[in-house]
Amino acid sequence: LSRPLFIYVARDQADRPELQAFIEFYLDNAAELSQEVGYIPLPDE
């Protein structure tokens, strides 16, 4: 009963500068912020 959680990003929107910045920010900070709100970070790799 352990599972991964996901986001799905629209390819046709991914080149927008603000969306690209948001996704990279999300992946850079998901480890700390997911733990802060009660979830388990993925391994760094």
All heavy atoms as atom14 arrays in JSON, in Angstrom:
{
  "sequence": "LSRPLFIYVARDQADRPELQAFIEFYLDNAAELSQEVGYIPLPDE",
  "atom14_mask": [
    [1, 1, 1, 1, 1, 1, 1, 1, 0, 0, 0, 0, 0, 0],
    [1, 1, 1, 1, 1, 1, 0, 0, 0, 0, 0, 0, 0, 0],
    [1, 1, 1, 1, 1, 1, 1, 1, 1, 1, 1, 0, 0, 0],
    [1, 1, 1, 1, 1, 1, 1, 0, 0, 0, 0, 0, 0, 0],
    [1, 1, 1, 1, 1, 1, 1, 1, 0, 0, 0, 0, 0, 0],
    [1, 1, 1, 1, 1, 1, 1, 1, 1, 1, 1, 0, 0, 0],
    [1, 1, 1, 1, 1, 1, 1, 1, 0, 0, 0, 0, 0, 0],
    [1, 1, 1, 1, 1, 1, 1, 1, 1, 1, 1, 1, 0, 0],
    [1, 1, 1, 1, 1, 1, 1, 0, 0, 0, 0, 0, 0, 0],
    [1, 1, 1, 1, 1, 0, 0, 0, 0, 0, 0, 0, 0, 0],
    [1, 1, 1, 1, 1, 1, 1, 1, 1, 1, 1, 0, 0, 0],
    [1, 1, 1, 1, 1, 1, 1, 1, 0, 0, 0, 0, 0, 0],
    [1, 1, 1, 1, 1, 1, 1, 1, 1, 0, 0, 0, 0, 0],
    [1, 1, 1, 1, 1, 0, 0, 0, 0, 0, 0, 0, 0, 0],
    [1, 1, 1, 1, 1, 1, 1, 1, 0, 0, 0, 0, 0, 0],
    [1, 1, 1, 1, 1, 1, 1, 1, 1, 1, 1, 0, 0, 0],
    [1, 1, 1, 1, 1, 1, 1, 0, 0, 0, 0, 0, 0, 0],
    [1, 1, 1, 1, 1, 1, 1, 1, 1, 0, 0, 0, 0, 0],
    [1, 1, 1, 1, 1, 1, 1, 1, 0, 0, 0, 0, 0, 0],
    [1, 1, 1, 1, 1, 1, 1, 1, 1, 0, 0, 0, 0, 0],
    [1, 1, 1, 1, 1, 0, 0, 0, 0, 0, 0, 0, 0, 0],
    [1, 1, 1, 1, 1, 1, 1, 1, 1, 1, 1, 0, 0, 0],
    [1, 1, 1, 1, 1, 1, 1, 1, 0, 0, 0, 0, 0, 0],
    [1, 1, 1, 1, 1, 1, 1, 1, 1, 0, 0, 0, 0, 0],
    [1, 1, 1, 1, 1, 1, 1, 1, 1, 1, 1, 0, 0, 0],
    [1, 1, 1, 1, 1, 1, 1, 1, 1, 1, 1, 1, 0, 0],
    [1, 1, 1, 1, 1, 1, 1, 1, 0, 0, 0, 0, 0, 0],
    [1, 1, 1, 1, 1, 1, 1, 1, 0, 0, 0, 0, 0, 0],
    [1, 1, 1, 1, 1, 1, 1, 1, 0, 0, 0, 0, 0, 0],
    [1, 1, 1, 1, 1, 0, 0, 0, 0, 0, 0, 0, 0, 0],
    [1, 1, 1, 1, 1, 0, 0, 0, 0, 0, 0, 0, 0, 0],
    [1, 1, 1, 1, 1, 1, 1, 1, 1, 0, 0, 0, 0, 0],
    [1, 1, 1, 1, 1, 1, 1, 1, 0, 0, 0, 0, 0, 0],
    [1, 1, 1, 1, 1, 1, 0, 0, 0, 0, 0, 0, 0, 0],
    [1, 1, 1, 1, 1, 1, 1, 1, 1, 0, 0, 0, 0, 0],
    [1, 1, 1, 1, 1, 1, 1, 1, 1, 0, 0, 0, 0, 0],
    [1, 1, 1, 1, 1, 1, 1, 0, 0, 0, 0, 0, 0, 0],
    [1, 1, 1, 1, 0, 0, 0, 0, 0, 0, 0, 0, 0, 0],
    [1, 1, 1, 1, 1, 1, 1, 1, 1, 1, 1, 1, 0, 0],
    [1, 1, 1, 1, 1, 1, 1, 1, 0, 0, 0, 0, 0, 0],
    [1, 1, 1, 1, 1, 1, 1, 0, 0, 0, 0, 0, 0, 0],
    [1, 1, 1, 1, 1, 1, 1, 1, 0, 0, 0, 0, 0, 0],
    [1, 1, 1, 1, 1, 1, 1, 0, 0, 0, 0, 0, 0, 0],
    [1, 1, 1, 1, 1, 1, 1, 1, 0, 0, 0, 0, 0, 0],
    [1, 1, 1, 1, 1, 1, 1, 1, 1, 0, 0, 0, 0, 0]
  ],
  "atom14_positions": [
    [[0.8, -1.22, 0.0], [0.0, 0.0, 0.0], [0.84, 1.27, 0.0], [0.45, 2.28, 0.6], [-0.97, -0.02, 1.18], [-2.06, -1.09, 1.1], [-2.93, -1.08, 2.36], [-2.93, -0.91, -0.14], [0.0, 0.0, 0.0], [0.0, 0.0, 0.0], [0.0, 0.0, 0.0], [0.0, 0.0, 0.0], [0.0, 0.0, 0.0], [0.0, 0.0, 0.0]],
    [[1.98, 1.25, -0.65], [2.75, 2.47, -0.91], [2.61, 2.78, -2.39], [2.6, 1.88, -3.23], [4.22, 2.27, -0.56], [4.39, 2.05, 0.82], [0.0, 0.0, 0.0], [0.0, 0.0, 0.0], [0.0, 0.0, 0.0], [0.0, 0.0, 0.0], [0.0, 0.0, 0.0], [0.0, 0.0, 0.0], [0.0, 0.0, 0.0], [0.0, 0.0, 0.0]],
    [[2.51, 4.05, -2.72], [2.28, 4.43, -4.12], [2.98, 5.74, -4.46], [3.16, 6.61, -3.6], [0.79, 4.61, -4.37], [0.18, 5.7, -3.5], [-1.28, 5.96, -3.83], [-1.85, 6.93, -2.91], [-3.07, 7.45, -3.04], [-3.83, 7.1, -4.07], [-3.54, 8.31, -2.17], [0.0, 0.0, 0.0], [0.0, 0.0, 0.0], [0.0, 0.0, 0.0]],
    [[3.37, 5.9, -5.72], [3.88, 7.21, -6.15], [2.73, 8.14, -6.49], [1.62, 7.7, -6.82], [4.68, 6.86, -7.41], [4.03, 5.62, -7.93], [3.48, 4.88, -6.75], [0.0, 0.0, 0.0], [0.0, 0.0, 0.0], [0.0, 0.0, 0.0], [0.0, 0.0, 0.0], [0.0, 0.0, 0.0], [0.0, 0.0, 0.0], [0.0, 0.0, 0.0]],
    [[2.99, 9.44, -6.38], [2.04, 10.48, -6.76], [2.62, 11.23, -7.96], [3.84, 11.36, -8.08], [1.8, 11.44, -5.6], [1.32, 10.81, -4.3], [1.24, 11.85, -3.19], [-0.04, 10.13, -4.49], [0.0, 0.0, 0.0], [0.0, 0.0, 0.0], [0.0, 0.0, 0.0], [0.0, 0.0, 0.0], [0.0, 0.0, 0.0], [0.0, 0.0, 0.0]],
    [[1.75, 11.75, -8.82], [2.2, 12.3, -10.1], [1.62, 13.68, -10.4], [0.58, 14.06, -9.87], [1.75, 11.37, -11.25], [2.23, 9.96, -11.15], [1.44, 9.01, -10.51], [3.44, 9.58, -11.68], [1.86, 7.68, -10.42], [3.87, 8.26, -11.6], [3.09, 7.31, -10.97], [0.0, 0.0, 0.0], [0.0, 0.0, 0.0], [0.0, 0.0, 0.0]],
    [[2.31, 14.37, -11.31], [1.71, 15.45, -12.08], [1.88, 15.1, -13.55], [2.87, 14.48, -13.94], [2.32, 16.83, -11.77], [3.83, 16.86, -12.02], [1.99, 17.27, -10.36], [4.44, 18.26, -11.92], [0.0, 0.0, 0.0], [0.0, 0.0, 0.0], [0.0, 0.0, 0.0], [0.0, 0.0, 0.0], [0.0, 0.0, 0.0], [0.0, 0.0, 0.0]],
    [[0.88, 15.46, -14.35], [0.93, 15.29, -15.8], [0.93, 16.67, -16.43], [0.05, 17.48, -16.14], [-0.26, 14.47, -16.28], [-0.12, 12.99, -16.0], [-0.29, 12.49, -14.7], [0.2, 12.08, -16.99], [-0.15, 11.14, -14.41], [0.34, 10.72, -16.73], [0.16, 10.26, -15.43], [0.31, 8.91, -15.16], [0.0, 0.0, 0.0], [0.0, 0.0, 0.0]],
    [[1.91, 16.93, -17.28], [2.11, 18.25, -17.85], [1.74, 18.22, -19.33], [2.17, 17.31, -20.07], [3.57, 18.71, -17.7], [3.74, 20.14, -18.22], [4.01, 18.61, -16.25], [0.0, 0.0, 0.0], [0.0, 0.0, 0.0], [0.0, 0.0, 0.0], [0.0, 0.0, 0.0], [0.0, 0.0, 0.0], [0.0, 0.0, 0.0], [0.0, 0.0, 0.0]],
    [[0.96, 19.19, -19.78], [0.57, 19.26, -21.18], [1.78, 19.59, -22.05], [2.43, 20.62, -21.84], [-0.52, 20.31, -21.38], [0.0, 0.0, 0.0], [0.0, 0.0, 0.0], [0.0, 0.0, 0.0], [0.0, 0.0, 0.0], [0.0, 0.0, 0.0], [0.0, 0.0, 0.0], [0.0, 0.0, 0.0], [0.0, 0.0, 0.0], [0.0, 0.0, 0.0]],
    [[2.08, 18.72, -23.01], [3.23, 18.96, -23.89], [3.07, 20.24, -24.69], [4.05, 20.97, -24.91], [3.42, 17.75, -24.83], [4.51, 17.97, -25.91], [5.87, 18.17, -25.26], [6.91, 18.47, -26.23], [7.23, 19.69, -26.64], [6.55, 20.75, -26.17], [8.2, 19.88, -27.49], [0.0, 0.0, 0.0], [0.0, 0.0, 0.0], [0.0, 0.0, 0.0]],
    [[1.85, 20.55, -25.12], [1.64, 21.73, -25.95], [1.8, 23.03, -25.18], [1.83, 24.11, -25.78], [0.26, 21.67, -26.63], [-0.87, 21.59, -25.63], [-0.82, 20.73, -24.73], [-1.83, 22.39, -25.74], [0.0, 0.0, 0.0], [0.0, 0.0, 0.0], [0.0, 0.0, 0.0], [0.0, 0.0, 0.0], [0.0, 0.0, 0.0], [0.0, 0.0, 0.0]],
    [[1.87, 22.93, -23.84], [2.07, 24.12, -23.01], [3.45, 24.18, -22.37], [3.83, 25.18, -21.76], [1.01, 24.16, -21.9], [-0.42, 24.15, -22.4], [-0.75, 25.37, -23.24], [-0.42, 26.5, -22.88], [-1.4, 25.15, -24.38], [0.0, 0.0, 0.0], [0.0, 0.0, 0.0], [0.0, 0.0, 0.0], [0.0, 0.0, 0.0], [0.0, 0.0, 0.0]],
    [[4.21, 23.1, -22.49], [5.45, 22.96, -21.71], [6.54, 23.94, -22.1], [7.46, 24.19, -21.32], [5.99, 21.53, -21.85], [0.0, 0.0, 0.0], [0.0, 0.0, 0.0], [0.0, 0.0, 0.0], [0.0, 0.0, 0.0], [0.0, 0.0, 0.0], [0.0, 0.0, 0.0], [0.0, 0.0, 0.0], [0.0, 0.0, 0.0], [0.0, 0.0, 0.0]],
    [[6.46, 24.52, -23.3], [7.5, 25.46, -23.73], [7.21, 26.89, -23.3], [8.04, 27.78, -23.51], [7.67, 25.4, -25.25], [8.23, 24.06, -25.71], [8.93, 23.4, -24.91], [7.96, 23.67, -26.86], [0.0, 0.0, 0.0], [0.0, 0.0, 0.0], [0.0, 0.0, 0.0], [0.0, 0.0, 0.0], [0.0, 0.0, 0.0], [0.0, 0.0, 0.0]],
    [[6.03, 27.12, -22.71], [5.76, 28.45, -22.17], [6.75, 28.74, -21.05], [6.94, 27.91, -20.15], [4.33, 28.52, -21.63], [3.26, 28.57, -22.7], [1.89, 28.3, -22.14], [1.67, 28.93, -20.84], [0.72, 28.55, -19.99], [-0.08, 27.53, -20.29], [0.57, 29.17, -18.84], [0.0, 0.0, 0.0], [0.0, 0.0, 0.0], [0.0, 0.0, 0.0]],
    [[7.42, 29.89, -21.06], [8.47, 30.16, -20.07], [7.99, 30.02, -18.63], [8.69, 29.46, -17.79], [8.89, 31.6, -20.37], [8.55, 31.79, -21.81], [7.31, 30.98, -22.05], [0.0, 0.0, 0.0], [0.0, 0.0, 0.0], [0.0, 0.0, 0.0], [0.0, 0.0, 0.0], [0.0, 0.0, 0.0], [0.0, 0.0, 0.0], [0.0, 0.0, 0.0]],
    [[6.76, 30.5, -18.33], [6.29, 30.44, -16.94], [5.99, 29.0, -16.52], [6.25, 28.61, -15.38], [5.06, 31.34, -16.74], [3.77, 30.88, -17.4], [3.64, 31.32, -18.85], [4.67, 31.66, -19.48], [2.5, 31.31, -19.35], [0.0, 0.0, 0.0], [0.0, 0.0, 0.0], [0.0, 0.0, 0.0], [0.0, 0.0, 0.0], [0.0, 0.0, 0.0]],
    [[5.47, 28.18, -17.45], [5.18, 26.79, -17.11], [6.47, 25.99, -16.98], [6.6, 25.16, -16.07], [4.26, 26.16, -18.16], [3.72, 24.78, -17.81], [2.88, 24.84, -16.55], [2.91, 24.19, -18.96], [0.0, 0.0, 0.0], [0.0, 0.0, 0.0], [0.0, 0.0, 0.0], [0.0, 0.0, 0.0], [0.0, 0.0, 0.0], [0.0, 0.0, 0.0]],
    [[7.41, 26.24, -17.87], [8.7, 25.55, -17.77], [9.38, 25.87, -16.44], [9.9, 24.98, -15.75], [9.6, 25.96, -18.93], [10.97, 25.3, -18.91], [11.76, 25.59, -20.17], [11.21, 25.77, -21.24], [13.08, 25.64, -20.03], [0.0, 0.0, 0.0], [0.0, 0.0, 0.0], [0.0, 0.0, 0.0], [0.0, 0.0, 0.0], [0.0, 0.0, 0.0]],
    [[9.35, 27.15, -16.05], [9.96, 27.55, -14.78], [9.25, 26.89, -13.6], [9.88, 26.46, -12.64], [9.93, 29.07, -14.64], [0.0, 0.0, 0.0], [0.0, 0.0, 0.0], [0.0, 0.0, 0.0], [0.0, 0.0, 0.0], [0.0, 0.0, 0.0], [0.0, 0.0, 0.0], [0.0, 0.0, 0.0], [0.0, 0.0, 0.0], [0.0, 0.0, 0.0]],
    [[7.92, 26.79, -13.69], [7.15, 26.2, -12.6], [7.47, 24.71, -12.44], [7.67, 24.24, -11.31], [5.65, 26.38, -12.86], [4.78, 25.77, -11.78], [4.62, 26.4, -10.56], [4.12, 24.56, -11.99], [3.83, 25.85, -9.55], [3.33, 24.0, -11.01], [3.19, 24.65, -9.78], [0.0, 0.0, 0.0], [0.0, 0.0, 0.0], [0.0, 0.0, 0.0]],
    [[7.54, 23.96, -13.53], [7.81, 22.53, -13.43], [9.23, 22.28, -12.89], [9.43, 21.4, -12.04], [7.64, 21.85, -14.8], [6.18, 21.94, -15.24], [8.08, 20.38, -14.73], [5.18, 21.33, -14.29], [0.0, 0.0, 0.0], [0.0, 0.0, 0.0], [0.0, 0.0, 0.0], [0.0, 0.0, 0.0], [0.0, 0.0, 0.0], [0.0, 0.0, 0.0]],
    [[10.19, 23.03, -13.36], [11.55, 22.85, -12.85], [11.63, 23.23, -11.37], [12.31, 22.57, -10.59], [12.54, 23.65, -13.7], [12.63, 23.11, -15.12], [13.78, 23.7, -15.93], [14.47, 24.6, -15.39], [13.98, 23.27, -17.07], [0.0, 0.0, 0.0], [0.0, 0.0, 0.0], [0.0, 0.0, 0.0], [0.0, 0.0, 0.0], [0.0, 0.0, 0.0]],
    [[10.91, 24.28, -10.98], [10.83, 24.66, -9.57], [10.17, 23.55, -8.76], [10.62, 23.2, -7.66], [10.04, 25.96, -9.44], [9.98, 26.52, -8.05], [10.92, 27.43, -7.6], [8.96, 26.14, -7.17], [10.86, 27.95, -6.31], [8.89, 26.65, -5.89], [9.85, 27.56, -5.46], [0.0, 0.0, 0.0], [0.0, 0.0, 0.0], [0.0, 0.0, 0.0]],
    [[9.11, 22.98, -9.31], [8.38, 21.9, -8.64], [9.32, 20.73, -8.35], [9.41, 20.24, -7.21], [7.24, 21.43, -9.55], [6.1, 20.71, -8.88], [4.78, 21.12, -9.07], [6.31, 19.6, -8.06], [3.71, 20.45, -8.47], [5.26, 18.93, -7.45], [3.95, 19.36, -7.66], [2.92, 18.7, -7.06], [0.0, 0.0, 0.0], [0.0, 0.0, 0.0]],
    [[10.05, 20.27, -9.36], [10.92, 19.11, -9.18], [12.13, 19.42, -8.3], [12.64, 18.54, -7.6], [11.37, 18.59, -10.55], [10.24, 18.05, -11.43], [10.76, 17.72, -12.82], [9.58, 16.83, -10.79], [0.0, 0.0, 0.0], [0.0, 0.0, 0.0], [0.0, 0.0, 0.0], [0.0, 0.0, 0.0], [0.0, 0.0, 0.0], [0.0, 0.0, 0.0]],
    [[12.6, 20.67, -8.32], [13.72, 21.06, -7.46], [13.32, 21.12, -5.99], [14.16, 20.92, -5.11], [14.26, 22.43, -7.88], [15.1, 22.38, -9.14], [15.56, 21.27, -9.51], [15.27, 23.43, -9.78], [0.0, 0.0, 0.0], [0.0, 0.0, 0.0], [0.0, 0.0, 0.0], [0.0, 0.0, 0.0], [0.0, 0.0, 0.0], [0.0, 0.0, 0.0]],
    [[12.04, 21.4, -5.73], [11.6, 21.65, -4.36], [10.59, 20.65, -3.81], [10.19, 20.72, -2.66], [11.0, 23.06, -4.26], [12.01, 24.13, -4.62], [13.0, 24.29, -3.93], [11.78, 24.83, -5.71], [0.0, 0.0, 0.0], [0.0, 0.0, 0.0], [0.0, 0.0, 0.0], [0.0, 0.0, 0.0], [0.0, 0.0, 0.0], [0.0, 0.0, 0.0]],
    [[10.21, 19.68, -4.64], [9.18, 18.72, -4.22], [9.62, 17.9, -3.01], [8.79, 17.55, -2.16], [8.83, 17.79, -5.38], [0.0, 0.0, 0.0], [0.0, 0.0, 0.0], [0.0, 0.0, 0.0], [0.0, 0.0, 0.0], [0.0, 0.0, 0.0], [0.0, 0.0, 0.0], [0.0, 0.0, 0.0], [0.0, 0.0, 0.0], [0.0, 0.0, 0.0]],
    [[10.9, 17.57, -2.9], [11.36, 16.75, -1.78], [11.07, 17.44, -0.45], [10.49, 16.84, 0.46], [12.85, 16.45, -1.92], [0.0, 0.0, 0.0], [0.0, 0.0, 0.0], [0.0, 0.0, 0.0], [0.0, 0.0, 0.0], [0.0, 0.0, 0.0], [0.0, 0.0, 0.0], [0.0, 0.0, 0.0], [0.0, 0.0, 0.0], [0.0, 0.0, 0.0]],
    [[11.45, 18.7, -0.34], [11.25, 19.42, 0.91], [9.79, 19.75, 1.16], [9.26, 19.54, 2.26], [12.07, 20.72, 0.92], [11.9, 21.5, 2.22], [12.84, 22.68, 2.34], [13.84, 22.72, 1.6], [12.58, 23.55, 3.18], [0.0, 0.0, 0.0], [0.0, 0.0, 0.0], [0.0, 0.0, 0.0], [0.0, 0.0, 0.0], [0.0, 0.0, 0.0]],
    [[9.1, 20.23, 0.11], [7.73, 20.67, 0.31], [6.77, 19.51, 0.5], [5.8, 19.61, 1.25], [7.29, 21.55, -0.86], [8.03, 22.89, -0.95], [7.62, 23.65, -2.2], [7.8, 23.74, 0.29], [0.0, 0.0, 0.0], [0.0, 0.0, 0.0], [0.0, 0.0, 0.0], [0.0, 0.0, 0.0], [0.0, 0.0, 0.0], [0.0, 0.0, 0.0]],
    [[7.0, 18.38, -0.16], [6.12, 17.23, 0.05], [6.22, 16.72, 1.47], [5.21, 16.37, 2.09], [6.45, 16.11, -0.95], [7.76, 15.63, -0.77], [0.0, 0.0, 0.0], [0.0, 0.0, 0.0], [0.0, 0.0, 0.0], [0.0, 0.0, 0.0], [0.0, 0.0, 0.0], [0.0, 0.0, 0.0], [0.0, 0.0, 0.0], [0.0, 0.0, 0.0]],
    [[7.43, 16.71, 2.02], [7.59, 16.27, 3.4], [6.96, 17.27, 4.36], [6.37, 16.9, 5.38], [9.07, 16.07, 3.73], [9.3, 15.43, 5.08], [10.72, 14.91, 5.24], [11.56, 15.07, 4.37], [11.0, 14.29, 6.37], [0.0, 0.0, 0.0], [0.0, 0.0, 0.0], [0.0, 0.0, 0.0], [0.0, 0.0, 0.0], [0.0, 0.0, 0.0]],
    [[7.04, 18.54, 4.01], [6.48, 19.59, 4.86], [4.98, 19.46, 5.01], [4.41, 19.81, 6.05], [6.84, 20.97, 4.28], [6.48, 22.14, 5.18], [7.0, 23.44, 4.61], [8.21, 23.56, 4.36], [6.18, 24.34, 4.41], [0.0, 0.0, 0.0], [0.0, 0.0, 0.0], [0.0, 0.0, 0.0], [0.0, 0.0, 0.0], [0.0, 0.0, 0.0]],
    [[4.3, 18.95, 3.98], [2.84, 18.8, 4.05], [2.42, 17.35, 4.32], [1.26, 17.0, 4.17], [2.16, 19.33, 2.77], [2.34, 20.82, 2.65], [2.64, 18.6, 1.52], [0.0, 0.0, 0.0], [0.0, 0.0, 0.0], [0.0, 0.0, 0.0], [0.0, 0.0, 0.0], [0.0, 0.0, 0.0], [0.0, 0.0, 0.0], [0.0, 0.0, 0.0]],
    [[3.38, 16.51, 4.73], [3.03, 15.2, 5.25], [3.23, 14.02, 4.33], [2.8, 12.91, 4.65], [0.0, 0.0, 0.0], [0.0, 0.0, 0.0], [0.0, 0.0, 0.0], [0.0, 0.0, 0.0], [0.0, 0.0, 0.0], [0.0, 0.0, 0.0], [0.0, 0.0, 0.0], [0.0, 0.0, 0.0], [0.0, 0.0, 0.0], [0.0, 0.0, 0.0]],
    [[3.91, 14.22, 3.19], [4.14, 13.12, 2.28], [5.61, 12.69, 2.31], [6.43, 13.26, 3.04], [3.7, 13.5, 0.86], [2.19, 13.67, 0.78], [1.6, 14.91, 1.03], [1.37, 12.6, 0.51], [0.23, 15.06, 0.99], [-0.01, 12.75, 0.46], [-0.57, 13.99, 0.71], [-1.93, 14.14, 0.68], [0.0, 0.0, 0.0], [0.0, 0.0, 0.0]],
    [[5.96, 11.7, 1.5], [7.29, 11.12, 1.56], [8.05, 11.49, 0.29], [7.58, 11.2, -0.83], [7.22, 9.58, 1.7], [6.52, 9.21, 3.01], [8.62, 8.97, 1.67], [5.07, 8.9, 2.89], [0.0, 0.0, 0.0], [0.0, 0.0, 0.0], [0.0, 0.0, 0.0], [0.0, 0.0, 0.0], [0.0, 0.0, 0.0], [0.0, 0.0, 0.0]],
    [[9.2, 12.13, 0.4], [9.96, 12.51, -0.79], [10.46, 11.28, -1.55], [10.71, 10.23, -0.97], [11.14, 13.31, -0.23], [10.78, 13.66, 1.17], [9.84, 12.59, 1.65], [0.0, 0.0, 0.0], [0.0, 0.0, 0.0], [0.0, 0.0, 0.0], [0.0, 0.0, 0.0], [0.0, 0.0, 0.0], [0.0, 0.0, 0.0], [0.0, 0.0, 0.0]],
    [[10.61, 11.44, -2.86], [11.27, 10.42, -3.67], [12.77, 10.47, -3.41], [13.29, 11.48, -2.91], [11.01, 10.67, -5.15], [9.56, 10.74, -5.63], [9.53, 11.06, -7.12], [8.82, 9.46, -5.34], [0.0, 0.0, 0.0], [0.0, 0.0, 0.0], [0.0, 0.0, 0.0], [0.0, 0.0, 0.0], [0.0, 0.0, 0.0], [0.0, 0.0, 0.0]],
    [[13.52, 9.44, -3.77], [14.98, 9.53, -3.73], [15.47, 10.64, -4.66], [14.82, 10.94, -5.68], [15.44, 8.15, -4.23], [14.28, 7.24, -3.97], [13.05, 8.09, -4.15], [0.0, 0.0, 0.0], [0.0, 0.0, 0.0], [0.0, 0.0, 0.0], [0.0, 0.0, 0.0], [0.0, 0.0, 0.0], [0.0, 0.0, 0.0], [0.0, 0.0, 0.0]],
    [[16.6, 11.24, -4.34], [17.13, 12.35, -5.15], [17.27, 11.95, -6.61], [17.0, 12.75, -7.52], [18.48, 12.8, -4.6], [18.34, 13.52, -3.27], [17.23, 13.99, -2.96], [19.35, 13.63, -2.54], [0.0, 0.0, 0.0], [0.0, 0.0, 0.0], [0.0, 0.0, 0.0], [0.0, 0.0, 0.0], [0.0, 0.0, 0.0], [0.0, 0.0, 0.0]],
    [[17.73, 10.72, -6.86], [17.94, 10.28, -8.24], [16.64, 10.31, -9.03], [16.63, 10.63, -10.23], [18.54, 8.87, -8.27], [18.84, 8.38, -9.68], [19.34, 6.96, -9.72], [19.31, 6.26, -8.68], [19.75, 6.51, -10.81], [0.0, 0.0, 0.0], [0.0, 0.0, 0.0], [0.0, 0.0, 0.0], [0.0, 0.0, 0.0], [0.0, 0.0, 0.0]]
  ]
}
